[in-house]
PDB file of N, CA and C in Angstrom:
ATOM      1  N   MET A   1      98.616 -14.989  19.447  1.00  0.00           N
ATOM      2  CA  MET A   1      99.123 -16.306  18.876  1.00  0.00           C
ATOM      3  C   MET A   1      99.010 -17.392  20.052  1.00  0.00           C
ATOM      4  N   LYS A   2      98.795 -18.357  19.338  1.00  0.00           N
ATOM      5  CA  LYS A   2      98.438 -19.740  20.626  1.00  0.00           C
ATOM      6  C   LYS A   2      99.147 -20.661  19.931  1.00  0.00           C
ATOM      7  N   GLY A   3     100.144 -21.220  20.328  1.00  0.00           N
ATOM      8  CA  GLY A   3     101.161 -22.329  19.798  1.00  0.00           C
ATOM      9  C   GLY A   3     101.802 -21.373  18.772  1.00  0.00           C
ATOM     10  N   ASP A   4     101.870 -22.087  17.367  1.00  0.00           N
ATOM     11  CA  ASP A   4     102.596 -21.593  16.284  1.00  0.00           C
ATOM     12  C   ASP A   4     101.453 -20.825  15.340  1.00  0.00           C
ATOM     13  N   ARG A   5     100.409 -20.796  15.619  1.00  0.00           N
ATOM     14  CA  ARG A   5      99.301 -20.206  14.834  1.00  0.00           C
ATOM     15  C   ARG A   5      99.098 -18.754  15.336  1.00  0.00           C
ATOM     16  N   LEU A   6      98.530 -17.762  14.325  1.00  0.00           N
ATOM     17  CA  LEU A   6      97.998 -16.774  14.621  1.00  0.00           C
ATOM     18  C   LEU A   6      96.458 -16.448  14.562  1.00  0.00           C
ATOM     19  N   TYR A   7      96.032 -15.956  15.572  1.00  0.00           N
ATOM     20  CA  TYR A   7      94.237 -16.114  15.680  1.00  0.00           C
ATOM     21  C   TYR A   7      93.739 -14.617  15.630  1.00  0.00           C
ATOM     22  N   THR A   8      92.906 -14.718  14.984  1.00  0.00           N
ATOM     23  CA  THR A   8      92.054 -13.156  15.163  1.00  0.00           C
ATOM     24  C   THR A   8      90.554 -13.684  15.461  1.00  0.00           C
ATOM     25  N   CYS A   9      90.093 -12.949  16.434  1.00  0.00           N
ATOM     26  CA  CYS A   9      88.846 -13.292  16.895  1.00  0.00           C
ATOM     27  C   CYS A   9      87.969 -11.896  17.389  1.00  0.00           C
ATOM     28  N   VAL A  10      86.857 -11.548  17.157  1.00  0.00           N
ATOM     29  CA  VAL A  10      86.373 -10.376  17.403  1.00  0.00           C
ATOM     30  C   VAL A  10      85.289 -11.080  18.348  1.00  0.00           C
ATOM     31  N   LEU A  11      85.011 -10.453  19.690  1.00  0.00           N
ATOM     32  CA  LEU A  11      84.173 -11.146  20.467  1.00  0.00           C
ATOM     33  C   LEU A  11      83.054  -9.977  20.732  1.00  0.00           C
ATOM     34  N   HIS A  12      81.711 -10.420  20.969  1.00  0.00           N
ATOM     35  CA  HIS A  12      80.916  -9.486  21.299  1.00  0.00           C
ATOM     36  C   HIS A  12      80.411  -9.751  22.941  1.00  0.00           C
ATOM     37  N   ILE A  13      80.378  -8.342  23.595  1.00  0.00           N
ATOM     38  CA  ILE A  13      79.871  -8.511  24.830  1.00  0.00           C
ATOM     39  C   ILE A  13      78.608  -8.091  24.909  1.00  0.00           C
ATOM     40  N   GLY A  14      77.627  -9.040  25.115  1.00  0.00           N
ATOM     41  CA  GLY A  14      76.161  -8.667  25.364  1.00  0.00           C
ATOM     42  C   GLY A  14      75.294  -9.887  25.032  1.00  0.00           C
ATOM     43  N   PRO A  15      74.153  -9.641  24.742  1.00  0.00           N
ATOM     44  CA  PRO A  15      73.094 -10.947  24.437  1.00  0.00           C
ATOM     45  C   PRO A  15      73.672 -11.514  23.438  1.00  0.00           C
ATOM     46  N   ASN A  16      73.427 -12.876  23.456  1.00  0.00           N
ATOM     47  CA  ASN A  16      74.026 -13.729  22.299  1.00  0.00           C
ATOM     48  C   ASN A  16      73.055 -13.426  20.897  1.00  0.00           C
ATOM     49  N   ILE A  17      71.585 -13.258  21.331  1.00  0.00           N
ATOM     50  CA  ILE A  17      71.096 -12.898  20.072  1.00  0.00           C
ATOM     51  C   ILE A  17      71.442 -11.825  19.037  1.00  0.00           C
ATOM     52  N   LYS A  18      72.154 -10.869  19.777  1.00  0.00           N
ATOM     53  CA  LYS A  18      72.506  -9.683  18.942  1.00  0.00           C
ATOM     54  C   LYS A  18      74.104 -10.063  18.225  1.00  0.00           C
ATOM     55  N   THR A  19      74.565 -11.145  18.939  1.00  0.00           N
ATOM     56  CA  THR A  19      75.949 -11.379  18.608  1.00  0.00           C
ATOM     57  C   THR A  19      76.001 -12.037  16.824  1.00  0.00           C
ATOM     58  N   SER A  20      74.808 -12.657  16.682  1.00  0.00           N
ATOM     59  CA  SER A  20      74.843 -13.310  15.231  1.00  0.00           C
ATOM     60  C   SER A  20      74.511 -12.288  14.263  1.00  0.00           C
ATOM     61  N   LYS A  21      74.401 -11.051  14.711  1.00  0.00           N
ATOM     62  CA  LYS A  21      74.328  -9.909  13.735  1.00  0.00           C
ATOM     63  C   LYS A  21      75.466  -9.542  13.212  1.00  0.00           C
ATOM     64  N   PHE A  22      76.653  -9.736  13.550  1.00  0.00           N
ATOM     65  CA  PHE A  22      77.961  -9.335  13.324  1.00  0.00           C
ATOM     66  C   PHE A  22      78.797 -10.364  12.560  1.00  0.00           C
ATOM     67  N   LYS A  23      79.620  -9.839  11.791  1.00  0.00           N
ATOM     68  CA  LYS A  23      80.735 -10.421  11.069  1.00  0.00           C
ATOM     69  C   LYS A  23      82.064  -9.423  11.223  1.00  0.00           C
ATOM     70  N   TYR A  24      83.086 -10.218  10.908  1.00  0.00           N
ATOM     71  CA  TYR A  24      84.330  -9.458  10.595  1.00  0.00           C
ATOM     72  C   TYR A  24      85.327  -9.970   9.521  1.00  0.00           C
ATOM     73  N   HIS A  25      85.983  -9.038   9.074  1.00  0.00           N
ATOM     74  CA  HIS A  25      86.725  -9.219   8.021  1.00  0.00           C
ATOM     75  C   HIS A  25      88.294  -8.978   8.288  1.00  0.00           C
ATOM     76  N   VAL A  26      89.245  -9.736   8.296  1.00  0.00           N
ATOM     77  CA  VAL A  26      90.525  -9.707   8.614  1.00  0.00           C
ATOM     78  C   VAL A  26      91.380  -9.833   7.170  1.00  0.00           C
ATOM     79  N   LYS A  27      92.053  -8.658   7.007  1.00  0.00           N
ATOM     80  CA  LYS A  27      93.336  -8.632   5.941  1.00  0.00           C
ATOM     81  C   LYS A  27      94.571  -8.481   6.597  1.00  0.00           C
ATOM     82  N   ILE A  28      95.232  -9.369   6.104  1.00  0.00           N
ATOM     83  CA  ILE A  28      96.828  -9.283   6.508  1.00  0.00           C
ATOM     84  C   ILE A  28      97.751  -8.886   5.435  1.00  0.00           C
ATOM     85  N   SER A  29      98.490  -7.889   5.379  1.00  0.00           N
ATOM     86  CA  SER A  29      99.032  -7.676   4.139  1.00  0.00           C
ATOM     87  C   SER A  29     100.482  -6.920   4.398  1.00  0.00           C
ATOM     88  N   ARG A  30     101.522  -7.059   3.546  1.00  0.00           N
ATOM     89  CA  ARG A  30     102.843  -6.612   3.404  1.00  0.00           C
ATOM     90  C   ARG A  30     102.580  -4.994   3.369  1.00  0.00           C
ATOM     91  N   LYS A  31     103.408  -4.332   3.947  1.00  0.00           N
ATOM     92  CA  LYS A  31     103.694  -2.743   3.741  1.00  0.00           C
ATOM     93  C   LYS A  31     104.063  -2.448   2.521  1.00  0.00           C
ATOM     94  N   TYR A  32     104.974  -3.210   1.925  1.00  0.00           N
ATOM     95  CA  TYR A  32     105.482  -2.892   0.628  1.00  0.00           C
ATOM     96  C   TYR A  32     105.088  -3.447  -0.580  1.00  0.00           C
ATOM     97  N   ASP A  33     103.828  -4.070  -0.680  1.00  0.00           N
ATOM     98  CA  ASP A  33     103.224  -4.527  -1.901  1.00  0.00           C
ATOM     99  C   ASP A  33     101.804  -5.073  -1.665  1.00  0.00           C
ATOM    100  N   GLU A  34     101.211  -5.547  -2.617  1.00  0.00           N
ATOM    101  CA  GLU A  34      99.764  -5.853  -2.562  1.00  0.00           C
ATOM    102  C   GLU A  34      99.438  -7.201  -2.341  1.00  0.00           C
ATOM    103  N   GLU A  35     100.677  -8.297  -2.057  1.00  0.00           N
ATOM    104  CA  GLU A  35     100.158  -9.619  -1.555  1.00  0.00           C
ATOM    105  C   GLU A  35      99.492  -9.482  -0.149  1.00  0.00           C
ATOM    106  N   LEU A  36      98.316 -10.437  -0.054  1.00  0.00           N
ATOM    107  CA  LEU A  36      97.567 -10.359   0.880  1.00  0.00           C
ATOM    108  C   LEU A  36      96.891 -11.663   1.356  1.00  0.00           C
ATOM    109  N   ILE A  37      96.535 -11.894   2.619  1.00  0.00           N
ATOM    110  CA  ILE A  37      95.461 -12.950   2.826  1.00  0.00           C
ATOM    111  C   ILE A  37      94.262 -12.334   3.574  1.00  0.00           C
ATOM    112  N   LEU A  38      93.189 -13.082   3.352  1.00  0.00           N
ATOM    113  CA  LEU A  38      91.909 -12.473   3.701  1.00  0.00           C
ATOM    114  C   LEU A  38      91.091 -13.633   4.491  1.00  0.00           C
ATOM    115  N   ALA A  39      90.255 -13.203   5.413  1.00  0.00           N
ATOM    116  CA  ALA A  39      89.404 -14.290   6.232  1.00  0.00           C
ATOM    117  C   ALA A  39      88.257 -13.519   6.408  1.00  0.00           C
ATOM    118  N   ASP A  40      86.913 -14.029   6.533  1.00  0.00           N
ATOM    119  CA  ASP A  40      85.677 -13.457   6.887  1.00  0.00           C
ATOM    120  C   ASP A  40      85.052 -14.570   7.746  1.00  0.00           C
ATOM    121  N   ARG A  41      84.764 -13.955   9.053  1.00  0.00           N
ATOM    122  CA  ARG A  41      84.350 -14.812  10.008  1.00  0.00           C
ATOM    123  C   ARG A  41      82.932 -14.419  10.767  1.00  0.00           C
ATOM    124  N   GLU A  42      82.194 -15.089  11.595  1.00  0.00           N
ATOM    125  CA  GLU A  42      81.158 -14.516  12.224  1.00  0.00           C
ATOM    126  C   GLU A  42      81.906 -13.963  13.627  1.00  0.00           C
ATOM    127  N   VAL A  43      81.344 -12.940  14.143  1.00  0.00           N
ATOM    128  CA  VAL A  43      81.544 -12.485  15.683  1.00  0.00           C
ATOM    129  C   VAL A  43      81.012 -13.322  16.538  1.00  0.00           C
ATOM    130  N   ARG A  44      81.859 -13.954  17.606  1.00  0.00           N
ATOM    131  CA  ARG A  44      81.618 -14.751  18.544  1.00  0.00           C
ATOM    132  C   ARG A  44      81.293 -14.065  20.089  1.00  0.00           C
ATOM    133  N   ASN A  45      80.372 -14.756  20.771  1.00  0.00           N
ATOM    134  CA  ASN A  45      80.012 -14.256  21.970  1.00  0.00           C
ATOM    135  C   ASN A  45      81.019 -14.279  23.032  1.00  0.00           C
ATOM    136  N   TYR A  46      81.343 -13.354  23.732  1.00  0.00           N
ATOM    137  CA  TYR A  46      82.387 -13.326  24.950  1.00  0.00           C
ATOM    138  C   TYR A  46      82.408 -14.611  25.841  1.00  0.00           C
ATOM    139  N   ALA A  47      81.010 -14.708  26.129  1.00  0.00           N
ATOM    140  CA  ALA A  47      80.569 -15.876  27.080  1.00  0.00           C
ATOM    141  C   ALA A  47      81.281 -17.300  26.639  1.00  0.00           C
ATOM    142  N   GLU A  48      81.282 -17.473  25.373  1.00  0.00           N
ATOM    143  CA  GLU A  48      81.803 -18.777  24.867  1.00  0.00           C
ATOM    144  C   GLU A  48      83.260 -18.957  25.331  1.00  0.00           C
ATOM    145  N   GLY A  49      84.035 -17.821  25.479  1.00  0.00           N
ATOM    146  CA  GLY A  49      85.405 -18.246  26.008  1.00  0.00           C
ATOM    147  C   GLY A  49      86.426 -18.647  24.786  1.00  0.00           C
ATOM    148  N   PHE A  50      87.588 -17.586  24.681  1.00  0.00           N
ATOM    149  CA  PHE A  50      88.173 -18.007  23.592  1.00  0.00           C
ATOM    150  C   PHE A  50      88.756 -19.071  23.438  1.00  0.00           C
ATOM    151  N   GLU A  51      89.189 -20.101  24.340  1.00  0.00           N
ATOM    152  CA  GLU A  51      89.517 -21.334  24.311  1.00  0.00           C
ATOM    153  C   GLU A  51      88.845 -22.173  23.507  1.00  0.00           C
ATOM    154  N   GLN A  52      87.315 -21.986  23.884  1.00  0.00           N
ATOM    155  CA  GLN A  52      86.571 -22.900  23.119  1.00  0.00           C
ATOM    156  C   GLN A  52      86.263 -22.525  21.682  1.00  0.00           C
ATOM    157  N   ILE A  53      86.297 -20.967  21.289  1.00  0.00           N
ATOM    158  CA  ILE A  53      86.087 -20.461  20.222  1.00  0.00           C
ATOM    159  C   ILE A  53      87.191 -21.118  19.253  1.00  0.00           C
ATOM    160  N   VAL A  54      88.483 -21.212  19.694  1.00  0.00           N
ATOM    161  CA  VAL A  54      89.655 -21.662  18.991  1.00  0.00           C
ATOM    162  C   VAL A  54      89.673 -23.080  18.718  1.00  0.00           C
ATOM    163  N   ASN A  55      89.109 -23.769  19.921  1.00  0.00           N
ATOM    164  CA  ASN A  55      89.123 -25.417  19.682  1.00  0.00           C
ATOM    165  C   ASN A  55      88.164 -25.648  18.845  1.00  0.00           C
ATOM    166  N   LEU A  56      86.806 -24.876  18.380  1.00  0.00           N
ATOM    167  CA  LEU A  56      85.870 -25.189  17.536  1.00  0.00           C
ATOM    168  C   LEU A  56      86.396 -24.672  16.054  1.00  0.00           C
ATOM    169  N   GLY A  57      87.421 -23.961  16.033  1.00  0.00           N
ATOM    170  CA  GLY A  57      87.867 -23.475  14.832  1.00  0.00           C
ATOM    171  C   GLY A  57      86.871 -22.175  14.312  1.00  0.00           C
ATOM    172  N   ALA A  58      86.433 -21.427  15.213  1.00  0.00           N
ATOM    173  CA  ALA A  58      85.391 -20.440  14.875  1.00  0.00           C
ATOM    174  C   ALA A  58      86.090 -18.953  14.869  1.00  0.00           C
ATOM    175  N   CYS A  59      87.252 -19.110  14.660  1.00  0.00           N
ATOM    176  CA  CYS A  59      87.905 -17.744  14.438  1.00  0.00           C
ATOM    177  C   CYS A  59      88.920 -18.008  13.228  1.00  0.00           C
ATOM    178  N   ALA A  60      89.344 -16.851  12.646  1.00  0.00           N
ATOM    179  CA  ALA A  60      90.373 -16.892  11.940  1.00  0.00           C
ATOM    180  C   ALA A  60      91.626 -17.160  12.151  1.00  0.00           C
ATOM    181  N   SER A  61      92.224 -18.245  11.469  1.00  0.00           N
ATOM    182  CA  SER A  61      93.526 -18.722  12.106  1.00  0.00           C
ATOM    183  C   SER A  61      94.543 -19.003  10.857  1.00  0.00           C
ATOM    184  N   PHE A  62      95.689 -18.359  11.083  1.00  0.00           N
ATOM    185  CA  PHE A  62      96.718 -18.476  10.098  1.00  0.00           C
ATOM    186  C   PHE A  62      97.966 -19.224  10.542  1.00  0.00           C
ATOM    187  N   SER A  63      98.330 -20.222   9.811  1.00  0.00           N
ATOM    188  CA  SER A  63      99.470 -20.825   9.877  1.00  0.00           C
ATOM    189  C   SER A  63     100.866 -20.070   9.706  1.00  0.00           C
ATOM    190  N   PRO A  64     101.800 -20.595  10.412  1.00  0.00           N
ATOM    191  CA  PRO A  64     103.258 -20.041  10.285  1.00  0.00           C
ATOM    192  C   PRO A  64     103.653 -20.064   8.918  1.00  0.00           C
ATOM    193  N   ASP A  65     103.414 -21.105   8.095  1.00  0.00           N
ATOM    194  CA  ASP A  65     103.792 -21.038   6.782  1.00  0.00           C
ATOM    195  C   ASP A  65     103.302 -19.882   6.140  1.00  0.00           C
ATOM    196  N   VAL A  66     102.027 -19.401   6.237  1.00  0.00           N
ATOM    197  CA  VAL A  66     101.271 -18.289   5.413  1.00  0.00           C
ATOM    198  C   VAL A  66     102.124 -17.364   5.650  1.00  0.00           C
ATOM    199  N   ILE A  67     102.061 -16.904   7.204  1.00  0.00           N
ATOM    200  CA  ILE A  67     102.717 -15.640   7.766  1.00  0.00           C
ATOM    201  C   ILE A  67     104.035 -15.406   7.036  1.00  0.00           C
ATOM    202  N   LYS A  68     104.833 -16.486   6.996  1.00  0.00           N
ATOM    203  CA  LYS A  68     106.171 -16.571   6.639  1.00  0.00           C
ATOM    204  C   LYS A  68     106.134 -16.304   5.022  1.00  0.00           C
ATOM    205  N   SER A  69     105.213 -16.788   4.237  1.00  0.00           N
ATOM    206  CA  SER A  69     105.202 -16.585   2.945  1.00  0.00           C
ATOM    207  C   SER A  69     104.989 -15.164   2.710  1.00  0.00           C
ATOM    208  N   LEU A  70     104.326 -14.369   3.460  1.00  0.00           N
ATOM    209  CA  LEU A  70     103.762 -12.953   3.202  1.00  0.00           C
ATOM    210  C   LEU A  70     105.122 -12.220   3.802  1.00  0.00           C
ATOM    211  N   LEU A  71     105.832 -12.689   4.530  1.00  0.00           N
ATOM    212  CA  LEU A  71     106.954 -11.865   5.009  1.00  0.00           C
ATOM    213  C   LEU A  71     108.068 -11.871   3.888  1.00  0.00           C
ATOM    214  N   GLY A  72     108.230 -13.222   3.262  1.00  0.00           N
ATOM    215  CA  GLY A  72     108.883 -13.364   2.177  1.00  0.00           C
ATOM    216  C   GLY A  72     110.267 -13.288   2.684  1.00  0.00           C
ATOM    217  N   LYS A  73     111.415 -13.083   1.690  1.00  0.00           N
ATOM    218  CA  LYS A  73     112.896 -12.585   2.253  1.00  0.00           C
ATOM    219  C   LYS A  73     113.432 -11.218   2.601  1.00  0.00           C
ATOM    220  N   ARG A  74     112.472 -10.452   2.640  1.00  0.00           N
ATOM    221  CA  ARG A  74     112.850  -9.193   2.799  1.00  0.00           C
ATOM    222  C   ARG A  74     113.380  -9.007   4.104  1.00  0.00           C
ATOM    223  N   LYS A  75     114.403  -7.909   4.337  1.00  0.00           N
ATOM    224  CA  LYS A  75     114.788  -7.647   5.785  1.00  0.00           C
ATOM    225  C   LYS A  75     113.822  -7.035   6.717  1.00  0.00           C
ATOM    226  N   LEU A  76     112.995  -6.205   5.751  1.00  0.00           N
ATOM    227  CA  LEU A  76     111.705  -5.443   6.578  1.00  0.00           C
ATOM    228  C   LEU A  76     110.770  -6.374   6.742  1.00  0.00           C
ATOM    229  N   LYS A  77     110.287  -6.808   8.038  1.00  0.00           N
ATOM    230  CA  LYS A  77     109.363  -7.624   8.464  1.00  0.00           C
ATOM    231  C   LYS A  77     108.283  -6.940   8.817  1.00  0.00           C
ATOM    232  N   LEU A  78     107.693  -6.338   8.003  1.00  0.00           N
ATOM    233  CA  LEU A  78     106.470  -5.620   8.593  1.00  0.00           C
ATOM    234  C   LEU A  78     105.047  -6.045   7.853  1.00  0.00           C
ATOM    235  N   LEU A  79     104.103  -6.448   8.746  1.00  0.00           N
ATOM    236  CA  LEU A  79     102.760  -6.768   8.268  1.00  0.00           C
ATOM    237  C   LEU A  79     101.932  -5.774   8.714  1.00  0.00           C
ATOM    238  N   THR A  80     100.566  -5.512   7.910  1.00  0.00           N
ATOM    239  CA  THR A  80      99.706  -4.761   8.441  1.00  0.00           C
ATOM    240  C   THR A  80      98.566  -5.843   8.685  1.00  0.00           C
ATOM    241  N   ILE A  81      97.863  -5.799   9.950  1.00  0.00           N
ATOM    242  CA  ILE A  81      96.622  -6.537  10.304  1.00  0.00           C
ATOM    243  C   ILE A  81      95.502  -5.502  10.198  1.00  0.00           C
ATOM    244  N   GLU A  82      94.464  -5.719   9.638  1.00  0.00           N
ATOM    245  CA  GLU A  82      93.100  -4.765   9.534  1.00  0.00           C
ATOM    246  C   GLU A  82      91.767  -5.572   9.901  1.00  0.00           C
ATOM    247  N   VAL A  83      91.186  -5.208  10.804  1.00  0.00           N
ATOM    248  CA  VAL A  83      90.032  -5.927  11.262  1.00  0.00           C
ATOM    249  C   VAL A  83      88.819  -4.782  10.993  1.00  0.00           C
ATOM    250  N   LYS A  84      87.911  -5.306  10.125  1.00  0.00           N
ATOM    251  CA  LYS A  84      86.625  -4.458  10.162  1.00  0.00           C
ATOM    252  C   LYS A  84      85.492  -5.370  10.655  1.00  0.00           C
ATOM    253  N   ILE A  85      84.517  -4.751  11.136  1.00  0.00           N
ATOM    254  CA  ILE A  85      83.296  -5.324  11.543  1.00  0.00           C
ATOM    255  C   ILE A  85      82.179  -4.758  10.908  1.00  0.00           C
ATOM    256  N   PHE A  86      80.867  -5.808  10.632  1.00  0.00           N
ATOM    257  CA  PHE A  86      80.033  -5.400   9.952  1.00  0.00           C
ATOM    258  C   PHE A  86      78.756  -5.928  10.152  1.00  0.00           C
ATOM    259  N   VAL A  87      77.655  -5.273  10.135  1.00  0.00           N
ATOM    260  CA  VAL A  87      76.364  -6.132  10.382  1.00  0.00           C
ATOM    261  C   VAL A  87      76.046  -6.991   9.159  1.00  0.00           C
ATOM    262  N   ALA A  88      75.931  -8.059   9.658  1.00  0.00           N
ATOM    263  CA  ALA A  88      75.490  -9.610   8.576  1.00  0.00           C
ATOM    264  C   ALA A  88      74.172  -9.204   7.922  1.00  0.00           C
ATOM    265  N   GLN A  89      74.175  -9.284   6.718  1.00  0.00           N
ATOM    266  CA  GLN A  89      72.971  -9.234   5.841  1.00  0.00           C
ATOM    267  C   GLN A  89      72.105 -10.543   6.029  1.00  0.00           C
ATOM    268  N   GLU A  90      70.957 -10.085   6.137  1.00  0.00           N
ATOM    269  CA  GLU A  90      69.927 -11.231   6.517  1.00  0.00           C
ATOM    270  C   GLU A  90      69.440 -12.106   4.965  1.00  0.00           C
TER     271      GLU A  90
END
């Protein structure tokens, strides 16, 4: 969380040339049904720094309204956040 937004970012530690080979997929869903939101992004290099990555809009970002809509009016407020990393196809 930064401010009122939820950010997800996968950082690669290593040579920048290898960083571009990877992407990640984020899935946020409710535990009790199928409603979900998805995002696909490129993995970023650790040397860029989290602040710069966020400022560039280069990571998955979710507004409070989106998260609240997933939570709904249920008393049980559980979300599942799943991140998968994969090799980008050329």
